[in-house]
């Protein structure tokens, strides 16, 4: 299992917004702080905003802020926002198609693991990332 760069940056970005509480944070500030491409971050911000995870304000003092409390946003919500509303996030997708489908045991095992992982990611919230960062 491996997170894509887009998934990593989306989790990082939402964590950064959670860390700044209710302050609007500029994309350029986050890009500079974490060495991310501003254009790539803009793309991710659009996806997260479209899915209702954050809101934005233009102009002086503008930027992005979480629309929900960090404890109400799961890692799965973020991954789903940047991967589309598919049943599985990008890290759970498999290109493997079993020739014995639907009785293929490896495919059934993969499905069970994917479902368990999605449930787990749904329980991990953005505020947990912040607590880890602060050592709480």
Protein backbone atom coordinates (compact mmCIF):
# COMPACT_ATOMS: atom_id res chain seq x y z
CA UNK A 1 0.00 0.00 0.00
CA UNK A 2 1.39 3.36 -1.02
CA UNK A 3 -0.08 6.83 -0.99
CA UNK A 4 0.17 8.79 -4.21
CA UNK A 5 1.81 12.21 -4.08
CA UNK A 6 -1.63 13.78 -4.53
CA UNK A 7 -2.98 11.85 -1.53
CA UNK A 8 0.04 12.76 0.60
CA UNK A 9 -0.26 16.46 -0.22
CA UNK A 10 -4.03 16.44 0.38
CA UNK A 11 -3.54 14.92 3.86
CA UNK A 12 -0.68 17.31 4.56
CA UNK A 13 -2.72 20.32 3.41
CA UNK A 14 -5.79 19.44 5.49
CA UNK A 15 -3.53 18.81 8.49
CA UNK A 16 -1.89 22.20 8.01
CA UNK A 17 -5.29 23.89 7.88
CA UNK A 18 -6.35 22.03 11.03
CA UNK A 19 -3.16 23.13 12.75
CA UNK A 20 -3.95 26.78 11.96
CA UNK A 21 -7.41 26.46 13.57
CA UNK A 22 -9.92 28.90 12.07
CA UNK A 23 -7.37 31.13 10.33
CA UNK A 24 -7.35 31.39 6.55
CA UNK A 25 -4.11 29.93 5.20
CA UNK A 26 -2.70 30.86 1.80
CA UNK A 27 -1.69 28.15 -0.63
CA UNK A 28 1.66 29.83 -1.22
CA UNK A 29 2.41 29.65 2.52
CA UNK A 30 1.73 25.90 2.57
CA UNK A 31 3.60 25.35 -0.72
CA UNK A 32 6.67 27.20 0.56
CA UNK A 33 6.62 25.54 3.98
CA UNK A 34 6.37 21.99 2.60
CA UNK A 35 8.10 22.27 -0.78
CA UNK A 36 4.95 21.52 -2.77
CA UNK A 37 4.11 22.88 -6.18
CA UNK A 38 1.68 25.79 -5.92
CA UNK A 39 -0.23 24.66 -9.04
CA UNK A 40 -0.50 21.11 -7.70
CA UNK A 41 -1.73 22.42 -4.35
CA UNK A 42 -4.33 24.60 -6.13
CA UNK A 43 -5.63 21.52 -7.93
CA UNK A 44 -5.91 19.61 -4.65
CA UNK A 45 -7.56 22.58 -2.90
CA UNK A 46 -10.21 22.73 -5.66
CA UNK A 47 -11.00 19.04 -5.20
CA UNK A 48 -11.24 19.35 -1.41
CA UNK A 49 -13.43 22.45 -1.73
CA UNK A 50 -15.69 20.76 -4.26
CA UNK A 51 -16.25 17.90 -1.79
CA UNK A 52 -17.16 20.36 0.97
CA UNK A 53 -14.10 19.83 3.15
CA UNK A 54 -12.89 23.43 3.00
CA UNK A 55 -13.88 26.91 2.06
CA UNK A 56 -11.91 29.80 0.63
CA UNK A 57 -11.76 33.57 0.77
CA UNK A 58 -10.06 35.75 -1.84
CA UNK A 59 -8.04 38.88 -1.33
CA UNK A 60 -6.03 40.29 1.57
CA UNK A 61 -6.14 37.87 4.50
CA UNK A 62 -7.69 35.24 2.29
CA UNK A 63 -6.84 31.62 1.75
CA UNK A 64 -8.37 28.32 2.80
CA UNK A 65 -9.88 27.05 6.02
CA UNK A 66 -11.49 23.73 6.95
CA UNK A 67 -15.26 23.78 6.62
CA UNK A 68 -15.70 21.15 9.34
CA UNK A 69 -13.98 20.51 12.63
CA UNK A 70 -10.79 18.40 12.20
CA UNK A 71 -12.30 15.62 14.30
CA UNK A 72 -15.16 15.42 11.78
CA UNK A 73 -12.90 14.90 8.76
CA UNK A 74 -11.47 11.43 8.29
CA UNK A 75 -8.41 10.46 6.30
CA UNK A 76 -10.78 8.49 4.08
CA UNK A 77 -12.84 11.66 3.41
CA UNK A 78 -9.69 13.42 2.18
CA UNK A 79 -8.53 10.48 0.05
CA UNK A 80 -12.00 10.06 -1.41
CA UNK A 81 -12.13 13.78 -2.26
CA UNK A 82 -8.92 13.64 -4.31
CA UNK A 83 -9.64 10.26 -5.89
CA UNK A 84 -13.27 10.83 -6.77
CA UNK A 85 -16.25 9.28 -5.09
CA UNK A 86 -15.30 5.76 -6.09
CA UNK A 87 -15.88 2.99 -3.57
CA UNK A 88 -12.14 2.61 -3.08
CA UNK A 89 -9.47 5.27 -2.82
CA UNK A 90 -6.42 5.20 -5.09
CA UNK A 91 -4.32 3.29 -2.58
CA UNK A 92 -6.82 0.44 -2.54
CA UNK A 93 -7.31 0.02 -6.27
CA UNK A 94 -5.93 -3.06 -7.92
CA UNK A 95 -5.37 -3.73 -11.59
CA UNK A 96 -5.54 -7.45 -10.91
CA UNK A 97 -8.49 -9.28 -12.45
CA UNK A 98 -8.73 -12.92 -11.54
CA UNK A 99 -9.52 -15.31 -14.39
CA UNK A 100 -11.60 -17.40 -11.95
CA UNK A 101 -13.79 -14.49 -10.91
CA UNK A 102 -16.19 -14.59 -8.99
CA UNK A 103 -14.81 -17.62 -7.11
CA UNK A 104 -11.23 -16.30 -6.97
CA UNK A 105 -9.90 -16.49 -3.39
CA UNK A 106 -7.12 -13.87 -3.83
CA UNK A 107 -9.69 -11.41 -5.16
CA UNK A 108 -12.02 -12.10 -2.21
CA UNK A 109 -9.11 -11.64 0.23
CA UNK A 110 -8.14 -8.36 -1.45
CA UNK A 111 -11.74 -7.15 -1.19
CA UNK A 112 -11.96 -8.01 2.53
CA UNK A 113 -8.68 -6.22 3.22
CA UNK A 114 -9.80 -3.18 1.19
CA UNK A 115 -13.08 -2.95 3.10
CA UNK A 116 -11.30 -3.26 6.46
CA UNK A 117 -8.79 -0.60 5.45
CA UNK A 118 -11.53 1.79 4.32
CA UNK A 119 -13.26 1.34 7.70
CA UNK A 120 -9.96 2.03 9.46
CA UNK A 121 -9.26 5.17 7.40
CA UNK A 122 -12.77 6.37 8.20
CA UNK A 123 -11.86 6.25 11.90
CA UNK A 124 -8.59 8.19 11.54
CA UNK A 125 -9.33 11.90 11.72
CA UNK A 126 -7.34 14.97 10.76
CA UNK A 127 -7.15 16.12 14.39
CA UNK A 128 -5.23 12.93 15.18
CA UNK A 129 -2.50 14.06 12.76
CA UNK A 130 -2.26 17.37 14.62
CA UNK A 131 -2.08 15.67 18.02
CA UNK A 132 0.73 13.43 16.72
CA UNK A 133 2.62 16.46 15.38
CA UNK A 134 2.31 18.20 18.75
CA UNK A 135 3.21 15.05 20.67
CA UNK A 136 -0.08 14.93 22.58
